[in-house]
């Protein structure tokens, strides 16, 4: 695996450097602070991809808030998605709360739509979503993010929470794997 990983890294293309990503996070935080200032939100970090984005955004948010996590996975360290597997649900009650879901990427939108529906079913008053990357896949998605940092073309990405077979979530930039 490590040889495959090194080969992939050697051929990857940087789409956004760390400075560009941090500027996008600043802009997202300003929008979230403006929209949710008086809402006492419950922030749900979507594991594992959303951990970097959540950590970066949380220090920029100025309103009182609570934090919890949720994990509904389709990829399970693969480069293609399957059915949704619920791994972790929040322990904090969502009843009558404003919920802000934070994830790394809005790809096909299936996972984010399922998490959104879960929040509504649990009695959330309002549900918002924030994603660092909104990928243009060439057709409509079942959900749109309320707060978006950057957009990309339809390529396999890694960095800032996004992974390549479970690796490279910690890359300081957004990279695209070389087209096969």
C-alpha atoms as a PDB file:
ATOM      1  CA  UNK A   1       0.000   0.000   0.000  1.00  0.00           C
ATOM      2  CA  UNK A   2       2.782   2.452   0.854  1.00  0.00           C
ATOM      3  CA  UNK A   3       4.330   2.072  -2.633  1.00  0.00           C
ATOM      4  CA  UNK A   4       0.941   2.731  -4.252  1.00  0.00           C
ATOM      5  CA  UNK A   5       0.465   5.713  -1.955  1.00  0.00           C
ATOM      6  CA  UNK A   6       3.855   7.203  -2.842  1.00  0.00           C
ATOM      7  CA  UNK A   7       3.215   6.768  -6.559  1.00  0.00           C
ATOM      8  CA  UNK A   8      -0.160   8.485  -6.217  1.00  0.00           C
ATOM      9  CA  UNK A   9       1.408  11.361  -4.237  1.00  0.00           C
ATOM     10  CA  UNK A  10       4.176  11.795  -6.824  1.00  0.00           C
ATOM     11  CA  UNK A  11       1.578  12.219  -9.580  1.00  0.00           C
ATOM     12  CA  UNK A  12      -1.074  14.250  -7.739  1.00  0.00           C
ATOM     13  CA  UNK A  13      -2.015  17.751  -8.856  1.00  0.00           C
ATOM     14  CA  UNK A  14      -2.432  20.530  -6.288  1.00  0.00           C
ATOM     15  CA  UNK A  15      -5.726  22.319  -6.931  1.00  0.00           C
ATOM     16  CA  UNK A  16      -5.711  24.632  -3.879  1.00  0.00           C
ATOM     17  CA  UNK A  17      -2.725  25.401  -1.673  1.00  0.00           C
ATOM     18  CA  UNK A  18      -2.971  25.818   2.091  1.00  0.00           C
ATOM     19  CA  UNK A  19      -3.313  29.613   1.851  1.00  0.00           C
ATOM     20  CA  UNK A  20      -6.275  29.346  -0.550  1.00  0.00           C
ATOM     21  CA  UNK A  21      -7.999  26.755   1.642  1.00  0.00           C
ATOM     22  CA  UNK A  22      -7.516  28.817   4.801  1.00  0.00           C
ATOM     23  CA  UNK A  23      -8.945  31.890   3.035  1.00  0.00           C
ATOM     24  CA  UNK A  24     -11.984  29.819   1.999  1.00  0.00           C
ATOM     25  CA  UNK A  25     -12.415  28.700   5.619  1.00  0.00           C
ATOM     26  CA  UNK A  26     -12.287  32.353   6.743  1.00  0.00           C
ATOM     27  CA  UNK A  27     -15.059  33.213   4.274  1.00  0.00           C
ATOM     28  CA  UNK A  28     -17.186  30.224   5.317  1.00  0.00           C
ATOM     29  CA  UNK A  29     -16.825  31.138   8.993  1.00  0.00           C
ATOM     30  CA  UNK A  30     -17.864  34.732   8.325  1.00  0.00           C
ATOM     31  CA  UNK A  31     -20.993  33.509   6.522  1.00  0.00           C
ATOM     32  CA  UNK A  32     -21.822  31.010   9.274  1.00  0.00           C
ATOM     33  CA  UNK A  33     -21.251  33.624  12.000  1.00  0.00           C
ATOM     34  CA  UNK A  34     -23.589  36.005  10.207  1.00  0.00           C
ATOM     35  CA  UNK A  35     -26.353  33.462   9.525  1.00  0.00           C
ATOM     36  CA  UNK A  36     -26.271  31.512  12.813  1.00  0.00           C
ATOM     37  CA  UNK A  37     -25.207  34.244  15.268  1.00  0.00           C
ATOM     38  CA  UNK A  38     -28.204  33.925  17.603  1.00  0.00           C
ATOM     39  CA  UNK A  39     -29.121  30.272  17.038  1.00  0.00           C
ATOM     40  CA  UNK A  40     -27.052  28.383  19.667  1.00  0.00           C
ATOM     41  CA  UNK A  41     -26.212  25.668  17.108  1.00  0.00           C
ATOM     42  CA  UNK A  42     -25.252  22.079  17.665  1.00  0.00           C
ATOM     43  CA  UNK A  43     -22.322  21.447  15.343  1.00  0.00           C
ATOM     44  CA  UNK A  44     -22.138  17.891  13.996  1.00  0.00           C
ATOM     45  CA  UNK A  45     -18.736  16.874  12.695  1.00  0.00           C
ATOM     46  CA  UNK A  46     -19.109  14.208  10.018  1.00  0.00           C
ATOM     47  CA  UNK A  47     -16.443  11.628  10.776  1.00  0.00           C
ATOM     48  CA  UNK A  48     -13.850  10.995   9.514  1.00  0.00           C
ATOM     49  CA  UNK A  49     -13.613  13.421   6.623  1.00  0.00           C
ATOM     50  CA  UNK A  50     -15.115  16.393   8.425  1.00  0.00           C
ATOM     51  CA  UNK A  51     -12.679  16.321  11.340  1.00  0.00           C
ATOM     52  CA  UNK A  52     -10.097  18.654   9.772  1.00  0.00           C
ATOM     53  CA  UNK A  53     -12.667  21.087   8.379  1.00  0.00           C
ATOM     54  CA  UNK A  54     -14.617  21.091  11.658  1.00  0.00           C
ATOM     55  CA  UNK A  55     -11.498  21.759  13.696  1.00  0.00           C
ATOM     56  CA  UNK A  56     -10.463  24.601  11.422  1.00  0.00           C
ATOM     57  CA  UNK A  57     -13.949  26.162  11.345  1.00  0.00           C
ATOM     58  CA  UNK A  58     -14.768  25.825  15.044  1.00  0.00           C
ATOM     59  CA  UNK A  59     -11.973  28.162  16.123  1.00  0.00           C
ATOM     60  CA  UNK A  60     -13.368  30.763  13.719  1.00  0.00           C
ATOM     61  CA  UNK A  61     -16.981  30.576  14.942  1.00  0.00           C
ATOM     62  CA  UNK A  62     -17.925  33.222  17.487  1.00  0.00           C
ATOM     63  CA  UNK A  63     -21.375  32.165  18.728  1.00  0.00           C
ATOM     64  CA  UNK A  64     -22.094  29.848  21.661  1.00  0.00           C
ATOM     65  CA  UNK A  65     -22.366  26.293  20.344  1.00  0.00           C
ATOM     66  CA  UNK A  66     -22.227  22.618  21.238  1.00  0.00           C
ATOM     67  CA  UNK A  67     -20.221  19.976  19.393  1.00  0.00           C
ATOM     68  CA  UNK A  68     -20.986  16.345  18.642  1.00  0.00           C
ATOM     69  CA  UNK A  69     -20.132  13.866  15.894  1.00  0.00           C
ATOM     70  CA  UNK A  70     -21.901  11.639  13.400  1.00  0.00           C
ATOM     71  CA  UNK A  71     -20.499   8.974  11.111  1.00  0.00           C
ATOM     72  CA  UNK A  72     -22.423   7.665   8.136  1.00  0.00           C
ATOM     73  CA  UNK A  73     -19.977   6.158   5.694  1.00  0.00           C
ATOM     74  CA  UNK A  74     -20.274   5.155   2.058  1.00  0.00           C
ATOM     75  CA  UNK A  75     -16.585   4.851   1.172  1.00  0.00           C
ATOM     76  CA  UNK A  76     -14.971   2.860   4.019  1.00  0.00           C
ATOM     77  CA  UNK A  77     -11.405   3.609   2.811  1.00  0.00           C
ATOM     78  CA  UNK A  78     -12.259   2.811  -0.809  1.00  0.00           C
ATOM     79  CA  UNK A  79     -12.256   5.146  -3.814  1.00  0.00           C
ATOM     80  CA  UNK A  80     -15.915   4.402  -4.647  1.00  0.00           C
ATOM     81  CA  UNK A  81     -19.095   4.682  -2.616  1.00  0.00           C
ATOM     82  CA  UNK A  82     -21.497   1.956  -1.566  1.00  0.00           C
ATOM     83  CA  UNK A  83     -24.513   1.813   0.720  1.00  0.00           C
ATOM     84  CA  UNK A  84     -24.672   4.014   3.819  1.00  0.00           C
ATOM     85  CA  UNK A  85     -23.422   2.433   7.030  1.00  0.00           C
ATOM     86  CA  UNK A  86     -24.377   4.248  10.263  1.00  0.00           C
ATOM     87  CA  UNK A  87     -21.315   3.980  12.490  1.00  0.00           C
ATOM     88  CA  UNK A  88     -21.941   6.746  15.044  1.00  0.00           C
ATOM     89  CA  UNK A  89     -24.972   8.829  15.924  1.00  0.00           C
ATOM     90  CA  UNK A  90     -24.826  11.952  18.125  1.00  0.00           C
ATOM     91  CA  UNK A  91     -25.373  11.579  21.858  1.00  0.00           C
ATOM     92  CA  UNK A  92     -26.667  15.161  22.123  1.00  0.00           C
ATOM     93  CA  UNK A  93     -30.393  15.579  21.570  1.00  0.00           C
ATOM     94  CA  UNK A  94     -31.241  17.298  18.284  1.00  0.00           C
ATOM     95  CA  UNK A  95     -34.794  18.099  19.446  1.00  0.00           C
ATOM     96  CA  UNK A  96     -35.598  21.792  18.819  1.00  0.00           C
ATOM     97  CA  UNK A  97     -31.952  22.574  17.984  1.00  0.00           C
ATOM     98  CA  UNK A  98     -30.396  24.383  15.073  1.00  0.00           C
ATOM     99  CA  UNK A  99     -27.911  21.886  13.646  1.00  0.00           C
ATOM    100  CA  UNK A 100     -24.849  22.714  11.567  1.00  0.00           C
ATOM    101  CA  UNK A 101     -23.428  19.664   9.781  1.00  0.00           C
ATOM    102  CA  UNK A 102     -19.759  20.081   8.804  1.00  0.00           C
ATOM    103  CA  UNK A 103     -18.147  17.775   6.243  1.00  0.00           C
ATOM    104  CA  UNK A 104     -15.157  17.792   3.936  1.00  0.00           C
ATOM    105  CA  UNK A 105     -16.841  17.366   0.551  1.00  0.00           C
ATOM    106  CA  UNK A 106     -20.215  17.351  -1.147  1.00  0.00           C
ATOM    107  CA  UNK A 107     -19.660  14.734  -3.808  1.00  0.00           C
ATOM    108  CA  UNK A 108     -22.810  12.894  -4.895  1.00  0.00           C
ATOM    109  CA  UNK A 109     -24.715  14.236  -1.866  1.00  0.00           C
ATOM    110  CA  UNK A 110     -26.104  10.871  -0.762  1.00  0.00           C
ATOM    111  CA  UNK A 111     -24.417  10.811   2.659  1.00  0.00           C
ATOM    112  CA  UNK A 112     -25.126  14.468   3.447  1.00  0.00           C
ATOM    113  CA  UNK A 113     -28.775  14.051   2.418  1.00  0.00           C
ATOM    114  CA  UNK A 114     -29.103  11.023   4.718  1.00  0.00           C
ATOM    115  CA  UNK A 115     -27.556  12.921   7.638  1.00  0.00           C
ATOM    116  CA  UNK A 116     -29.845  15.908   6.959  1.00  0.00           C
ATOM    117  CA  UNK A 117     -32.907  13.626   7.002  1.00  0.00           C
ATOM    118  CA  UNK A 118     -31.697  11.978  10.214  1.00  0.00           C
ATOM    119  CA  UNK A 119     -31.463  15.408  11.885  1.00  0.00           C
ATOM    120  CA  UNK A 120     -35.001  16.319  10.782  1.00  0.00           C
ATOM    121  CA  UNK A 121     -36.307  12.945  12.023  1.00  0.00           C
ATOM    122  CA  UNK A 122     -34.666  13.624  15.393  1.00  0.00           C
ATOM    123  CA  UNK A 123     -36.625  16.874  15.742  1.00  0.00           C
ATOM    124  CA  UNK A 124     -34.074  19.509  14.728  1.00  0.00           C
ATOM    125  CA  UNK A 125     -35.668  22.952  14.337  1.00  0.00           C
ATOM    126  CA  UNK A 126     -33.337  23.896  11.472  1.00  0.00           C
ATOM    127  CA  UNK A 127     -30.510  22.073   9.697  1.00  0.00           C
ATOM    128  CA  UNK A 128     -27.640  23.726   7.830  1.00  0.00           C
ATOM    129  CA  UNK A 129     -24.642  22.167   6.155  1.00  0.00           C
ATOM    130  CA  UNK A 130     -21.115  23.409   5.545  1.00  0.00           C
ATOM    131  CA  UNK A 131     -18.656  21.683   3.207  1.00  0.00           C
ATOM    132  CA  UNK A 132     -15.147  22.688   2.283  1.00  0.00           C
ATOM    133  CA  UNK A 133     -15.491  21.353  -1.270  1.00  0.00           C
ATOM    134  CA  UNK A 134     -18.526  21.173  -3.537  1.00  0.00           C
ATOM    135  CA  UNK A 135     -17.636  18.896  -6.437  1.00  0.00           C
ATOM    136  CA  UNK A 136     -19.258  19.600  -9.822  1.00  0.00           C
ATOM    137  CA  UNK A 137     -20.455  16.150 -10.904  1.00  0.00           C
ATOM    138  CA  UNK A 138     -22.437  17.299 -13.940  1.00  0.00           C
ATOM    139  CA  UNK A 139     -25.934  16.657 -12.601  1.00  0.00           C
ATOM    140  CA  UNK A 140     -28.222  17.649  -9.731  1.00  0.00           C
ATOM    141  CA  UNK A 141     -27.578  16.314  -6.243  1.00  0.00           C
ATOM    142  CA  UNK A 142     -30.194  15.381  -3.642  1.00  0.00           C
ATOM    143  CA  UNK A 143     -28.980  18.236  -1.398  1.00  0.00           C
ATOM    144  CA  UNK A 144     -27.136  21.548  -1.648  1.00  0.00           C
ATOM    145  CA  UNK A 145     -24.779  22.806   1.050  1.00  0.00           C
ATOM    146  CA  UNK A 146     -25.650  26.090   2.742  1.00  0.00           C
ATOM    147  CA  UNK A 147     -22.007  27.088   3.206  1.00  0.00           C
ATOM    148  CA  UNK A 148     -19.336  26.140   0.634  1.00  0.00           C
ATOM    149  CA  UNK A 149     -15.635  26.916   0.731  1.00  0.00           C
ATOM    150  CA  UNK A 150     -14.408  25.897  -2.728  1.00  0.00           C
ATOM    151  CA  UNK A 151     -15.637  24.129  -5.849  1.00  0.00           C
ATOM    152  CA  UNK A 152     -13.804  21.616  -8.023  1.00  0.00           C
ATOM    153  CA  UNK A 153     -14.317  19.579 -11.119  1.00  0.00           C
ATOM    154  CA  UNK A 154     -15.236  15.913 -10.822  1.00  0.00           C
ATOM    155  CA  UNK A 155     -11.913  14.311  -9.843  1.00  0.00           C
ATOM    156  CA  UNK A 156     -10.829  12.141  -6.943  1.00  0.00           C
ATOM    157  CA  UNK A 157      -9.518  14.504  -4.239  1.00  0.00           C
ATOM    158  CA  UNK A 158      -7.535  14.270  -1.028  1.00  0.00           C
ATOM    159  CA  UNK A 159      -6.290  16.628   1.687  1.00  0.00           C
ATOM    160  CA  UNK A 160      -7.968  18.718   4.426  1.00  0.00           C
ATOM    161  CA  UNK A 161      -9.963  15.689   5.574  1.00  0.00           C
ATOM    162  CA  UNK A 162     -10.518  13.974   2.226  1.00  0.00           C
ATOM    163  CA  UNK A 163      -8.644  10.706   1.906  1.00  0.00           C
ATOM    164  CA  UNK A 164      -7.063   8.341  -0.560  1.00  0.00           C
ATOM    165  CA  UNK A 165      -7.860   4.816   0.713  1.00  0.00           C
ATOM    166  CA  UNK A 166      -7.742   6.044   4.304  1.00  0.00           C
ATOM    167  CA  UNK A 167      -4.537   8.084   3.899  1.00  0.00           C
ATOM    168  CA  UNK A 168      -3.612  11.717   3.186  1.00  0.00           C
ATOM    169  CA  UNK A 169      -6.449  13.385   5.133  1.00  0.00           C
ATOM    170  CA  UNK A 170      -3.707  15.489   6.740  1.00  0.00           C
ATOM    171  CA  UNK A 171      -2.338  16.927   3.471  1.00  0.00           C
ATOM    172  CA  UNK A 172      -2.093  20.721   3.733  1.00  0.00           C
ATOM    173  CA  UNK A 173      -3.850  21.542   0.479  1.00  0.00           C
ATOM    174  CA  UNK A 174      -6.446  20.064  -1.866  1.00  0.00           C
ATOM    175  CA  UNK A 175      -4.999  17.607  -4.368  1.00  0.00           C
ATOM    176  CA  UNK A 176      -6.459  15.641  -7.251  1.00  0.00           C
ATOM    177  CA  UNK A 177      -5.305  12.147  -8.127  1.00  0.00           C
ATOM    178  CA  UNK A 178      -3.908  11.803 -11.617  1.00  0.00           C
ATOM    179  CA  UNK A 179      -6.516  10.695 -14.120  1.00  0.00           C
ATOM    180  CA  UNK A 180      -6.096   7.030 -15.040  1.00  0.00           C
END
